[in-house]
Amino acid sequence: MNKLISTSLLLTFLFLIGCKDTTTKEVVTTLDAKTLMSGSTESFIGLWGLGDAPGVSGEFTDDAVRVISNSLAPIVGGEAIKNSFVETFAEGSNFKNSHIIVGTTETRLLSDEILIGAGTFKILDANNETLESGKWGNVYRYKDGKVKFLLESAHRIFNETDTLSADVISLEESIVSKEAHFDKIQASVAGYIKYANEKDAEGLSMLFTENAIQNVSSKEGIVVGRDKIKATEVFADGMVLDANILGYTYLGDSLAVGYGNWTQLDTTTKTMVKGQWGNVFKIDGDTAYLVMESAGISK
């Protein structure tokens, strides 16, 4: 009997220790994601306020990509990114002497190196008048104690004044890539177009992971979770979506990023709205699921 009691107590002790260790690891992982994001955000805000184009561009990796509302095409690579910030802070630019406020809604470490986040931004002039506001869903690489942008996907808020344009365009052809799992990203994009045009919220939501993040101009705030993504889908009659893939990188650890353009044609009025997307995918078997969708309109 004493032996049975001793064994039971030992198992209970080991169980409690195991539970304690698991909880600790989860807390540390969450804290690390928030701490890393906070440091990166503070640095970006400070350098923007100084109008320091080389400094801000130094927050990006050499092969990073910017997908933003103020450009119809992705900005690819360190030199192009630096030039984009030089133009942003140049004399005559609306953003000369501006400062930026950044809010963070979601942060996650997807692996030891890959960090994602989503939130809001507001750019103000020297008189604190709002020049532009919107949402962002970005991907970062953490290496050698430093967080740097891999993909900036930031889009201004869709306003009532953002009407459909009579300028109807055709998207350029998607790229062809030999990188791992590209065929699965192609299938994901094709599925998104199919379900959107069929007005199938259930089918569309199943392209996302269960706790996915959705950051799109057409929805209020940052939407988190497959169920909420499904519940907030609204499809307008006569609208036809199209999209292409202009870039793709497999990051390892079953993670990938892709980006491209999209258009939505109103078939009744023959007018169009257009924009860009920059998303994160998780490869699971034969399927690439959306971990984070970040898409918005372009000027």
C-alpha atoms as a PDB file:
ATOM      1  CA  MET A   1       0.000   0.000   0.000  1.00  0.00           C
ATOM      2  CA  ASN A   2       2.775   2.439   0.872  1.00  0.00           C
ATOM      3  CA  LYS A   3       4.464   1.615  -2.407  1.00  0.00           C
ATOM      4  CA  LEU A   4       1.249   2.385  -4.331  1.00  0.00           C
ATOM      5  CA  ILE A   5       0.826   5.729  -2.523  1.00  0.00           C
ATOM      6  CA  SER A   6       4.450   6.683  -3.239  1.00  0.00           C
ATOM      7  CA  THR A   7       4.070   5.836  -6.914  1.00  0.00           C
ATOM      8  CA  SER A   8       0.868   7.848  -7.158  1.00  0.00           C
ATOM      9  CA  LEU A   9       2.430  10.881  -5.530  1.00  0.00           C
ATOM     10  CA  LEU A  10       5.420  10.656  -7.845  1.00  0.00           C
ATOM     11  CA  LEU A  11       3.223  10.546 -10.959  1.00  0.00           C
ATOM     12  CA  THR A  12       1.160  13.483  -9.689  1.00  0.00           C
ATOM     13  CA  PHE A  13       4.337  15.507  -9.067  1.00  0.00           C
ATOM     14  CA  LEU A  14       5.690  14.748 -12.545  1.00  0.00           C
ATOM     15  CA  PHE A  15       2.335  15.692 -14.094  1.00  0.00           C
ATOM     16  CA  LEU A  16       2.289  19.038 -12.299  1.00  0.00           C
ATOM     17  CA  ILE A  17       5.875  19.789 -13.280  1.00  0.00           C
ATOM     18  CA  GLY A  18       5.057  18.927 -16.900  1.00  0.00           C
ATOM     19  CA  CYS A  19       2.049  21.251 -16.904  1.00  0.00           C
ATOM     20  CA  LYS A  20       4.109  24.049 -15.379  1.00  0.00           C
ATOM     21  CA  ASP A  21       6.821  23.731 -18.033  1.00  0.00           C
ATOM     22  CA  THR A  22       4.290  23.768 -20.892  1.00  0.00           C
ATOM     23  CA  THR A  23       2.576  26.906 -19.597  1.00  0.00           C
ATOM     24  CA  THR A  24       5.899  28.676 -19.151  1.00  0.00           C
ATOM     25  CA  LYS A  25       6.942  27.947 -22.730  1.00  0.00           C
ATOM     26  CA  GLU A  26       3.670  29.304 -24.121  1.00  0.00           C
ATOM     27  CA  VAL A  27       3.972  32.531 -22.098  1.00  0.00           C
ATOM     28  CA  VAL A  28       7.581  33.065 -23.173  1.00  0.00           C
ATOM     29  CA  THR A  29       6.722  32.484 -26.851  1.00  0.00           C
ATOM     30  CA  THR A  30       3.907  35.057 -26.743  1.00  0.00           C
ATOM     31  CA  LEU A  31       6.037  37.556 -24.849  1.00  0.00           C
ATOM     32  CA  ASP A  32       8.916  37.167 -27.282  1.00  0.00           C
ATOM     33  CA  ALA A  33       6.673  37.852 -30.283  1.00  0.00           C
ATOM     34  CA  LYS A  34       5.300  41.024 -28.701  1.00  0.00           C
ATOM     35  CA  THR A  35       8.739  42.195 -27.572  1.00  0.00           C
ATOM     36  CA  LEU A  36      10.311  41.623 -30.979  1.00  0.00           C
ATOM     37  CA  MET A  37       7.461  43.401 -32.749  1.00  0.00           C
ATOM     38  CA  SER A  38       7.566  46.305 -30.315  1.00  0.00           C
ATOM     39  CA  GLY A  39      11.280  46.878 -30.879  1.00  0.00           C
ATOM     40  CA  SER A  40      10.931  46.768 -34.656  1.00  0.00           C
ATOM     41  CA  THR A  41       7.928  49.100 -34.625  1.00  0.00           C
ATOM     42  CA  GLU A  42       9.596  51.683 -32.375  1.00  0.00           C
ATOM     43  CA  SER A  43      12.670  51.746 -34.620  1.00  0.00           C
ATOM     44  CA  PHE A  44      10.548  52.167 -37.760  1.00  0.00           C
ATOM     45  CA  ILE A  45       8.495  54.987 -36.194  1.00  0.00           C
ATOM     46  CA  GLY A  46      11.605  56.836 -35.027  1.00  0.00           C
ATOM     47  CA  LEU A  47      13.400  56.646 -38.363  1.00  0.00           C
ATOM     48  CA  TRP A  48      10.250  57.681 -40.252  1.00  0.00           C
ATOM     49  CA  GLY A  49       9.895  60.738 -38.014  1.00  0.00           C
ATOM     50  CA  LEU A  50      13.474  61.728 -38.871  1.00  0.00           C
ATOM     51  CA  GLY A  51      12.797  61.344 -42.595  1.00  0.00           C
ATOM     52  CA  ASP A  52      15.792  58.990 -42.693  1.00  0.00           C
ATOM     53  CA  ALA A  53      15.331  57.048 -45.945  1.00  0.00           C
ATOM     54  CA  PRO A  54      18.558  54.968 -45.640  1.00  0.00           C
ATOM     55  CA  GLY A  55      17.731  54.262 -41.999  1.00  0.00           C
ATOM     56  CA  VAL A  56      14.169  53.125 -42.679  1.00  0.00           C
ATOM     57  CA  SER A  57      15.244  50.991 -45.632  1.00  0.00           C
ATOM     58  CA  GLY A  58      17.854  49.412 -43.364  1.00  0.00           C
ATOM     59  CA  GLU A  59      14.945  47.891 -41.432  1.00  0.00           C
ATOM     60  CA  PHE A  60      14.339  45.639 -44.469  1.00  0.00           C
ATOM     61  CA  THR A  61      16.282  42.594 -45.664  1.00  0.00           C
ATOM     62  CA  ASP A  62      18.158  42.931 -48.946  1.00  0.00           C
ATOM     63  CA  ASP A  63      15.552  40.773 -50.705  1.00  0.00           C
ATOM     64  CA  ALA A  64      12.494  42.282 -49.010  1.00  0.00           C
ATOM     65  CA  VAL A  65       9.312  43.374 -50.791  1.00  0.00           C
ATOM     66  CA  ARG A  66       6.946  46.299 -50.196  1.00  0.00           C
ATOM     67  CA  VAL A  67       3.328  45.882 -51.321  1.00  0.00           C
ATOM     68  CA  ILE A  68       1.615  49.199 -50.546  1.00  0.00           C
ATOM     69  CA  SER A  69      -1.375  51.270 -51.667  1.00  0.00           C
ATOM     70  CA  ASN A  70       0.705  54.083 -53.140  1.00  0.00           C
ATOM     71  CA  SER A  71       2.243  51.829 -55.767  1.00  0.00           C
ATOM     72  CA  LEU A  72       0.565  49.708 -58.433  1.00  0.00           C
ATOM     73  CA  ALA A  73       3.551  47.373 -58.541  1.00  0.00           C
ATOM     74  CA  PRO A  74       5.517  45.626 -55.793  1.00  0.00           C
ATOM     75  CA  ILE A  75       8.748  47.303 -54.694  1.00  0.00           C
ATOM     76  CA  VAL A  76      11.363  44.558 -54.683  1.00  0.00           C
ATOM     77  CA  GLY A  77      14.857  44.550 -53.183  1.00  0.00           C
ATOM     78  CA  GLY A  78      16.909  46.791 -50.918  1.00  0.00           C
ATOM     79  CA  GLU A  79      17.860  49.438 -53.481  1.00  0.00           C
ATOM     80  CA  ALA A  80      14.306  49.876 -54.788  1.00  0.00           C
ATOM     81  CA  ILE A  81      12.992  50.067 -51.225  1.00  0.00           C
ATOM     82  CA  LYS A  82      15.532  52.740 -50.303  1.00  0.00           C
ATOM     83  CA  ASN A  83      14.565  54.755 -53.382  1.00  0.00           C
ATOM     84  CA  SER A  84      10.889  54.470 -52.449  1.00  0.00           C
ATOM     85  CA  PHE A  85      11.583  56.041 -49.056  1.00  0.00           C
ATOM     86  CA  VAL A  86      13.801  58.731 -50.607  1.00  0.00           C
ATOM     87  CA  GLU A  87      10.791  59.658 -52.749  1.00  0.00           C
ATOM     88  CA  THR A  88       8.467  59.513 -49.722  1.00  0.00           C
ATOM     89  CA  PHE A  89      10.522  62.016 -47.733  1.00  0.00           C
ATOM     90  CA  ALA A  90      11.559  64.235 -50.671  1.00  0.00           C
ATOM     91  CA  GLU A  91      10.723  67.928 -51.061  1.00  0.00           C
ATOM     92  CA  GLY A  92       7.286  68.259 -52.624  1.00  0.00           C
ATOM     93  CA  SER A  93       6.065  64.940 -51.258  1.00  0.00           C
ATOM     94  CA  ASN A  94       2.885  64.944 -49.168  1.00  0.00           C
ATOM     95  CA  PHE A  95       4.795  62.909 -46.591  1.00  0.00           C
ATOM     96  CA  LYS A  96       7.680  65.357 -46.184  1.00  0.00           C
ATOM     97  CA  ASN A  97       8.076  66.124 -42.429  1.00  0.00           C
ATOM     98  CA  SER A  98       5.364  63.597 -41.595  1.00  0.00           C
ATOM     99  CA  HIS A  99       5.288  61.155 -38.706  1.00  0.00           C
ATOM    100  CA  ILE A 100       3.618  57.775 -38.341  1.00  0.00           C
ATOM    101  CA  ILE A 101       1.571  56.128 -35.612  1.00  0.00           C
ATOM    102  CA  VAL A 102       1.480  52.332 -35.626  1.00  0.00           C
ATOM    103  CA  GLY A 103      -0.904  50.102 -33.686  1.00  0.00           C
ATOM    104  CA  THR A 104      -0.383  46.351 -33.337  1.00  0.00           C
ATOM    105  CA  THR A 105      -3.331  43.962 -33.105  1.00  0.00           C
ATOM    106  CA  GLU A 106      -1.745  40.528 -33.674  1.00  0.00           C
ATOM    107  CA  THR A 107       1.796  39.161 -33.332  1.00  0.00           C
ATOM    108  CA  ARG A 108       2.951  35.595 -33.867  1.00  0.00           C
ATOM    109  CA  LEU A 109       6.191  33.676 -34.143  1.00  0.00           C
ATOM    110  CA  LEU A 110       5.618  31.102 -36.873  1.00  0.00           C
ATOM    111  CA  SER A 111       9.106  29.608 -36.468  1.00  0.00           C
ATOM    112  CA  ASP A 112      12.427  30.427 -34.817  1.00  0.00           C
ATOM    113  CA  GLU A 113      13.051  33.035 -37.529  1.00  0.00           C
ATOM    114  CA  ILE A 114       9.707  34.069 -39.019  1.00  0.00           C
ATOM    115  CA  LEU A 115       7.531  36.621 -37.236  1.00  0.00           C
ATOM    116  CA  ILE A 116       4.229  38.047 -38.485  1.00  0.00           C
ATOM    117  CA  GLY A 117       2.119  40.926 -37.270  1.00  0.00           C
ATOM    118  CA  ALA A 118      -0.979  42.880 -38.209  1.00  0.00           C
ATOM    119  CA  GLY A 119      -2.356  46.219 -37.128  1.00  0.00           C
ATOM    120  CA  THR A 120      -3.120  49.784 -38.117  1.00  0.00           C
ATOM    121  CA  PHE A 121      -1.196  52.868 -39.192  1.00  0.00           C
ATOM    122  CA  LYS A 122      -1.833  56.579 -39.476  1.00  0.00           C
ATOM    123  CA  ILE A 123       0.469  59.063 -41.211  1.00  0.00           C
ATOM    124  CA  LEU A 124       0.165  62.678 -40.017  1.00  0.00           C
ATOM    125  CA  ASP A 125       1.672  65.957 -41.190  1.00  0.00           C
ATOM    126  CA  ALA A 126       3.513  68.493 -39.027  1.00  0.00           C
ATOM    127  CA  ASN A 127       0.140  69.897 -37.881  1.00  0.00           C
ATOM    128  CA  ASN A 128      -1.110  66.433 -36.886  1.00  0.00           C
ATOM    129  CA  GLU A 129      -3.575  66.366 -39.775  1.00  0.00           C
ATOM    130  CA  THR A 130      -4.121  62.831 -41.094  1.00  0.00           C
ATOM    131  CA  LEU A 131      -2.587  62.263 -44.508  1.00  0.00           C
ATOM    132  CA  GLU A 132      -3.335  58.560 -44.775  1.00  0.00           C
ATOM    133  CA  SER A 133      -4.573  55.739 -42.561  1.00  0.00           C
ATOM    134  CA  GLY A 134      -4.873  52.036 -43.085  1.00  0.00           C
ATOM    135  CA  LYS A 135      -3.950  48.543 -42.012  1.00  0.00           C
ATOM    136  CA  TRP A 136      -0.852  46.383 -42.329  1.00  0.00           C
ATOM    137  CA  GLY A 137      -0.010  42.686 -42.229  1.00  0.00           C
ATOM    138  CA  ASN A 138       3.746  42.186 -42.394  1.00  0.00           C
ATOM    139  CA  VAL A 139       6.306  39.370 -42.341  1.00  0.00           C
ATOM    140  CA  TYR A 140       9.682  39.691 -40.594  1.00  0.00           C
ATOM    141  CA  ARG A 141      12.830  37.648 -40.229  1.00  0.00           C
ATOM    142  CA  TYR A 142      14.509  37.455 -36.816  1.00  0.00           C
ATOM    143  CA  LYS A 143      18.226  36.748 -37.121  1.00  0.00           C
ATOM    144  CA  ASP A 144      21.318  37.629 -35.093  1.00  0.00           C
ATOM    145  CA  GLY A 145      19.199  39.525 -32.566  1.00  0.00           C
ATOM    146  CA  LYS A 146      17.605  41.770 -35.197  1.00  0.00           C
ATOM    147  CA  VAL A 147      14.101  41.895 -36.683  1.00  0.00           C
ATOM    148  CA  LYS A 148      13.854  42.981 -40.329  1.00  0.00           C
ATOM    149  CA  PHE A 149      10.994  43.226 -42.814  1.00  0.00           C
ATOM    150  CA  LEU A 150      10.697  40.417 -45.362  1.00  0.00           C
ATOM    151  CA  LEU A 151       7.334  41.604 -46.665  1.00  0.00           C
ATOM    152  CA  GLU A 152       5.535  44.843 -45.934  1.00  0.00           C
ATOM    153  CA  SER A 153       1.889  44.581 -46.993  1.00  0.00           C
ATOM    154  CA  ALA A 154       0.212  47.863 -45.989  1.00  0.00           C
ATOM    155  CA  HIS A 155      -2.990  49.274 -47.469  1.00  0.00           C
ATOM    156  CA  ARG A 156      -5.018  52.408 -46.902  1.00  0.00           C
ATOM    157  CA  ILE A 157      -8.580  52.178 -45.622  1.00  0.00           C
ATOM    158  CA  PHE A 158     -11.259  51.941 -48.280  1.00  0.00           C
ATOM    159  CA  ASN A 159     -13.389  55.104 -48.177  1.00  0.00           C
ATOM    160  CA  GLU A 160     -16.754  55.945 -49.703  1.00  0.00           C
ATOM    161  CA  THR A 161     -14.924  58.303 -52.062  1.00  0.00           C
ATOM    162  CA  ASP A 162     -12.951  55.336 -53.474  1.00  0.00           C
ATOM    163  CA  THR A 163     -15.335  54.725 -56.337  1.00  0.00           C
ATOM    164  CA  LEU A 164     -14.939  52.234 -59.152  1.00  0.00           C
ATOM    165  CA  SER A 165     -12.829  53.444 -62.058  1.00  0.00           C
ATOM    166  CA  ALA A 166     -13.744  53.468 -65.727  1.00  0.00           C
ATOM    167  CA  ASP A 167     -10.146  52.433 -66.393  1.00  0.00           C
ATOM    168  CA  VAL A 168     -10.627  48.697 -66.928  1.00  0.00           C
ATOM    169  CA  ILE A 169      -7.326  46.817 -67.089  1.00  0.00           C
ATOM    170  CA  SER A 170      -6.181  43.250 -67.658  1.00  0.00           C
ATOM    171  CA  LEU A 171      -3.702  41.763 -65.224  1.00  0.00           C
ATOM    172  CA  GLU A 172      -0.325  40.638 -66.483  1.00  0.00           C
ATOM    173  CA  GLU A 173       0.344  36.918 -66.481  1.00  0.00           C
ATOM    174  CA  SER A 174       1.430  35.265 -63.254  1.00  0.00           C
ATOM    175  CA  ILE A 175       5.035  34.245 -62.800  1.00  0.00           C
ATOM    176  CA  VAL A 176       6.239  30.663 -63.085  1.00  0.00           C
ATOM    177  CA  SER A 177       8.463  29.503 -60.245  1.00  0.00           C
ATOM    178  CA  LYS A 178      10.476  26.351 -59.625  1.00  0.00           C
ATOM    179  CA  GLU A 179      10.626  27.016 -55.888  1.00  0.00           C
ATOM    180  CA  ALA A 180       9.181  24.370 -53.611  1.00  0.00           C
ATOM    181  CA  HIS A 181       5.382  24.250 -53.223  1.00  0.00           C
ATOM    182  CA  PHE A 182       4.656  26.969 -55.787  1.00  0.00           C
ATOM    183  CA  ASP A 183       1.966  24.771 -57.353  1.00  0.00           C
ATOM    184  CA  LYS A 184       0.123  24.762 -54.020  1.00  0.00           C
ATOM    185  CA  ILE A 185       0.140  28.575 -53.885  1.00  0.00           C
ATOM    186  CA  GLN A 186      -1.205  28.640 -57.455  1.00  0.00           C
ATOM    187  CA  ALA A 187      -4.034  26.337 -56.367  1.00  0.00           C
ATOM    188  CA  SER A 188      -4.770  28.528 -53.328  1.00  0.00           C
ATOM    189  CA  VAL A 189      -5.029  31.698 -55.437  1.00  0.00           C
ATOM    190  CA  ALA A 190      -7.176  29.924 -58.037  1.00  0.00           C
ATOM    191  CA  GLY A 191      -9.426  28.615 -55.256  1.00  0.00           C
ATOM    192  CA  TYR A 192      -9.798  32.094 -53.767  1.00  0.00           C
ATOM    193  CA  ILE A 193     -10.893  33.522 -57.130  1.00  0.00           C
ATOM    194  CA  LYS A 194     -13.312  30.628 -57.680  1.00  0.00           C
ATOM    195  CA  TYR A 195     -15.028  30.809 -54.275  1.00  0.00           C
ATOM    196  CA  ALA A 196     -15.202  34.620 -54.311  1.00  0.00           C
ATOM    197  CA  ASN A 197     -16.879  34.659 -57.708  1.00  0.00           C
ATOM    198  CA  GLU A 198     -19.247  31.851 -56.686  1.00  0.00           C
ATOM    199  CA  LYS A 199     -20.059  33.830 -53.500  1.00  0.00           C
ATOM    200  CA  ASP A 200     -19.138  30.758 -51.446  1.00  0.00           C
ATOM    201  CA  ALA A 201     -18.095  32.004 -47.983  1.00  0.00           C
ATOM    202  CA  GLU A 202     -17.695  28.467 -46.630  1.00  0.00           C
ATOM    203  CA  GLY A 203     -15.364  27.397 -49.420  1.00  0.00           C
ATOM    204  CA  LEU A 204     -13.378  30.630 -49.182  1.00  0.00           C
ATOM    205  CA  SER A 205     -12.917  30.344 -45.423  1.00  0.00           C
ATOM    206  CA  MET A 206     -11.546  26.806 -45.752  1.00  0.00           C
ATOM    207  CA  LEU A 207      -8.554  28.203 -47.657  1.00  0.00           C
ATOM    208  CA  PHE A 208      -7.400  29.699 -44.320  1.00  0.00           C
ATOM    209  CA  THR A 209      -5.865  28.059 -41.269  1.00  0.00           C
ATOM    210  CA  GLU A 210      -8.193  27.813 -38.308  1.00  0.00           C
ATOM    211  CA  ASN A 211      -6.679  30.848 -36.518  1.00  0.00           C
ATOM    212  CA  ALA A 212      -5.702  32.808 -39.643  1.00  0.00           C
ATOM    213  CA  ILE A 213      -5.434  36.593 -39.798  1.00  0.00           C
ATOM    214  CA  GLN A 214      -7.313  38.549 -42.464  1.00  0.00           C
ATOM    215  CA  ASN A 215      -6.391  42.166 -43.123  1.00  0.00           C
ATOM    216  CA  VAL A 216      -8.273  43.536 -46.129  1.00  0.00           C
ATOM    217  CA  SER A 217      -9.486  47.001 -47.101  1.00  0.00           C
ATOM    218  CA  SER A 218     -13.085  45.860 -47.545  1.00  0.00           C
ATOM    219  CA  LYS A 219     -13.524  44.722 -43.910  1.00  0.00           C
ATOM    220  CA  GLU A 220     -13.579  46.577 -40.616  1.00  0.00           C
ATOM    221  CA  GLY A 221     -10.494  45.970 -38.479  1.00  0.00           C
ATOM    222  CA  ILE A 222      -8.328  42.855 -38.384  1.00  0.00           C
ATOM    223  CA  VAL A 223     -10.372  39.650 -38.642  1.00  0.00           C
ATOM    224  CA  VAL A 224      -8.970  36.627 -36.766  1.00  0.00           C
ATOM    225  CA  GLY A 225     -10.091  33.036 -37.189  1.00  0.00           C
ATOM    226  CA  ARG A 226     -11.680  30.991 -39.960  1.00  0.00           C
ATOM    227  CA  ASP A 227     -15.186  31.262 -38.498  1.00  0.00           C
ATOM    228  CA  LYS A 228     -15.049  35.062 -38.302  1.00  0.00           C
ATOM    229  CA  ILE A 229     -13.603  35.274 -41.799  1.00  0.00           C
ATOM    230  CA  LYS A 230     -16.579  33.265 -43.070  1.00  0.00           C
ATOM    231  CA  ALA A 231     -19.102  35.294 -41.068  1.00  0.00           C
ATOM    232  CA  THR A 232     -17.805  38.656 -42.347  1.00  0.00           C
ATOM    233  CA  GLU A 233     -17.693  37.810 -46.062  1.00  0.00           C
ATOM    234  CA  VAL A 234     -19.981  40.049 -48.131  1.00  0.00           C
ATOM    235  CA  PHE A 235     -20.353  39.507 -51.866  1.00  0.00           C
ATOM    236  CA  ALA A 236     -21.752  42.158 -54.191  1.00  0.00           C
ATOM    237  CA  ASP A 237     -23.796  41.158 -57.232  1.00  0.00           C
ATOM    238  CA  GLY A 238     -22.097  41.543 -60.580  1.00  0.00           C
ATOM    239  CA  MET A 239     -18.564  41.691 -59.170  1.00  0.00           C
ATOM    240  CA  VAL A 240     -15.890  39.488 -60.744  1.00  0.00           C
ATOM    241  CA  LEU A 241     -12.545  39.014 -58.993  1.00  0.00           C
ATOM    242  CA  ASP A 242      -9.250  38.239 -60.712  1.00  0.00           C
ATOM    243  CA  ALA A 243      -5.701  38.009 -59.332  1.00  0.00           C
ATOM    244  CA  ASN A 244      -2.191  37.122 -60.382  1.00  0.00           C
ATOM    245  CA  ILE A 245       1.044  36.081 -58.680  1.00  0.00           C
ATOM    246  CA  LEU A 246       4.022  38.388 -59.219  1.00  0.00           C
ATOM    247  CA  GLY A 247       6.392  36.982 -56.598  1.00  0.00           C
ATOM    248  CA  TYR A 248       6.892  33.923 -54.420  1.00  0.00           C
ATOM    249  CA  THR A 249       9.435  32.782 -51.837  1.00  0.00           C
ATOM    250  CA  TYR A 250       9.541  29.542 -49.884  1.00  0.00           C
ATOM    251  CA  LEU A 251      10.872  30.387 -46.427  1.00  0.00           C
ATOM    252  CA  GLY A 252      11.381  26.859 -45.123  1.00  0.00           C
ATOM    253  CA  ASP A 253       9.587  25.310 -42.130  1.00  0.00           C
ATOM    254  CA  SER A 254       6.541  24.801 -44.411  1.00  0.00           C
ATOM    255  CA  LEU A 255       6.096  28.597 -44.681  1.00  0.00           C
ATOM    256  CA  ALA A 256       5.909  30.727 -47.826  1.00  0.00           C
ATOM    257  CA  VAL A 257       5.071  34.258 -48.920  1.00  0.00           C
ATOM    258  CA  GLY A 258       3.505  35.381 -52.155  1.00  0.00           C
ATOM    259  CA  TYR A 259       2.304  38.667 -53.613  1.00  0.00           C
ATOM    260  CA  GLY A 260       0.581  40.062 -56.645  1.00  0.00           C
ATOM    261  CA  ASN A 261      -2.219  42.235 -58.042  1.00  0.00           C
ATOM    262  CA  TRP A 262      -5.992  41.851 -58.004  1.00  0.00           C
ATOM    263  CA  THR A 263      -8.884  43.460 -59.843  1.00  0.00           C
ATOM    264  CA  GLN A 264     -12.628  43.450 -59.275  1.00  0.00           C
ATOM    265  CA  LEU A 265     -14.830  44.231 -62.246  1.00  0.00           C
ATOM    266  CA  ASP A 266     -18.404  45.432 -61.912  1.00  0.00           C
ATOM    267  CA  THR A 267     -19.974  43.678 -64.882  1.00  0.00           C
ATOM    268  CA  THR A 268     -23.080  45.880 -64.818  1.00  0.00           C
ATOM    269  CA  THR A 269     -21.265  49.232 -65.072  1.00  0.00           C
ATOM    270  CA  LYS A 270     -18.015  47.987 -66.652  1.00  0.00           C
ATOM    271  CA  THR A 271     -15.963  49.748 -63.985  1.00  0.00           C
ATOM    272  CA  MET A 272     -13.173  48.377 -61.858  1.00  0.00           C
ATOM    273  CA  VAL A 273     -11.330  48.627 -58.568  1.00  0.00           C
ATOM    274  CA  LYS A 274      -7.779  47.303 -58.296  1.00  0.00           C
ATOM    275  CA  GLY A 275      -5.070  46.661 -55.718  1.00  0.00           C
ATOM    276  CA  GLN A 276      -2.299  44.434 -54.417  1.00  0.00           C
ATOM    277  CA  TRP A 277      -1.987  41.490 -52.041  1.00  0.00           C
ATOM    278  CA  GLY A 278       0.899  40.098 -49.975  1.00  0.00           C
ATOM    279  CA  ASN A 279       0.111  36.895 -48.078  1.00  0.00           C
ATOM    280  CA  VAL A 280       1.666  34.233 -45.852  1.00  0.00           C
ATOM    281  CA  PHE A 281       0.981  30.535 -46.434  1.00  0.00           C
ATOM    282  CA  LYS A 282       1.432  27.363 -44.400  1.00  0.00           C
ATOM    283  CA  ILE A 283       2.111  24.202 -46.393  1.00  0.00           C
ATOM    284  CA  ASP A 284       0.255  21.192 -45.011  1.00  0.00           C
ATOM    285  CA  GLY A 285       0.408  18.087 -47.179  1.00  0.00           C
ATOM    286  CA  ASP A 286      -0.845  18.958 -50.644  1.00  0.00           C
ATOM    287  CA  THR A 287      -2.400  22.257 -49.587  1.00  0.00           C
ATOM    288  CA  ALA A 288      -1.150  25.803 -48.980  1.00  0.00           C
ATOM    289  CA  TYR A 289      -3.375  27.411 -46.349  1.00  0.00           C
ATOM    290  CA  LEU A 290      -3.500  31.164 -45.776  1.00  0.00           C
ATOM    291  CA  VAL A 291      -1.968  32.064 -42.414  1.00  0.00           C
ATOM    292  CA  MET A 292      -2.393  35.776 -43.090  1.00  0.00           C
ATOM    293  CA  GLU A 293      -4.096  37.604 -45.938  1.00  0.00           C
ATOM    294  CA  SER A 294      -3.173  41.251 -46.393  1.00  0.00           C
ATOM    295  CA  ALA A 295      -4.705  43.017 -49.372  1.00  0.00           C
ATOM    296  CA  GLY A 296      -6.025  46.421 -50.286  1.00  0.00           C
ATOM    297  CA  ILE A 297      -6.801  48.951 -52.972  1.00  0.00           C
ATOM    298  CA  SER A 298      -4.179  50.925 -54.876  1.00  0.00           C
ATOM    299  CA  LYS A 299      -4.377  54.466 -56.106  1.00  0.00           C
END
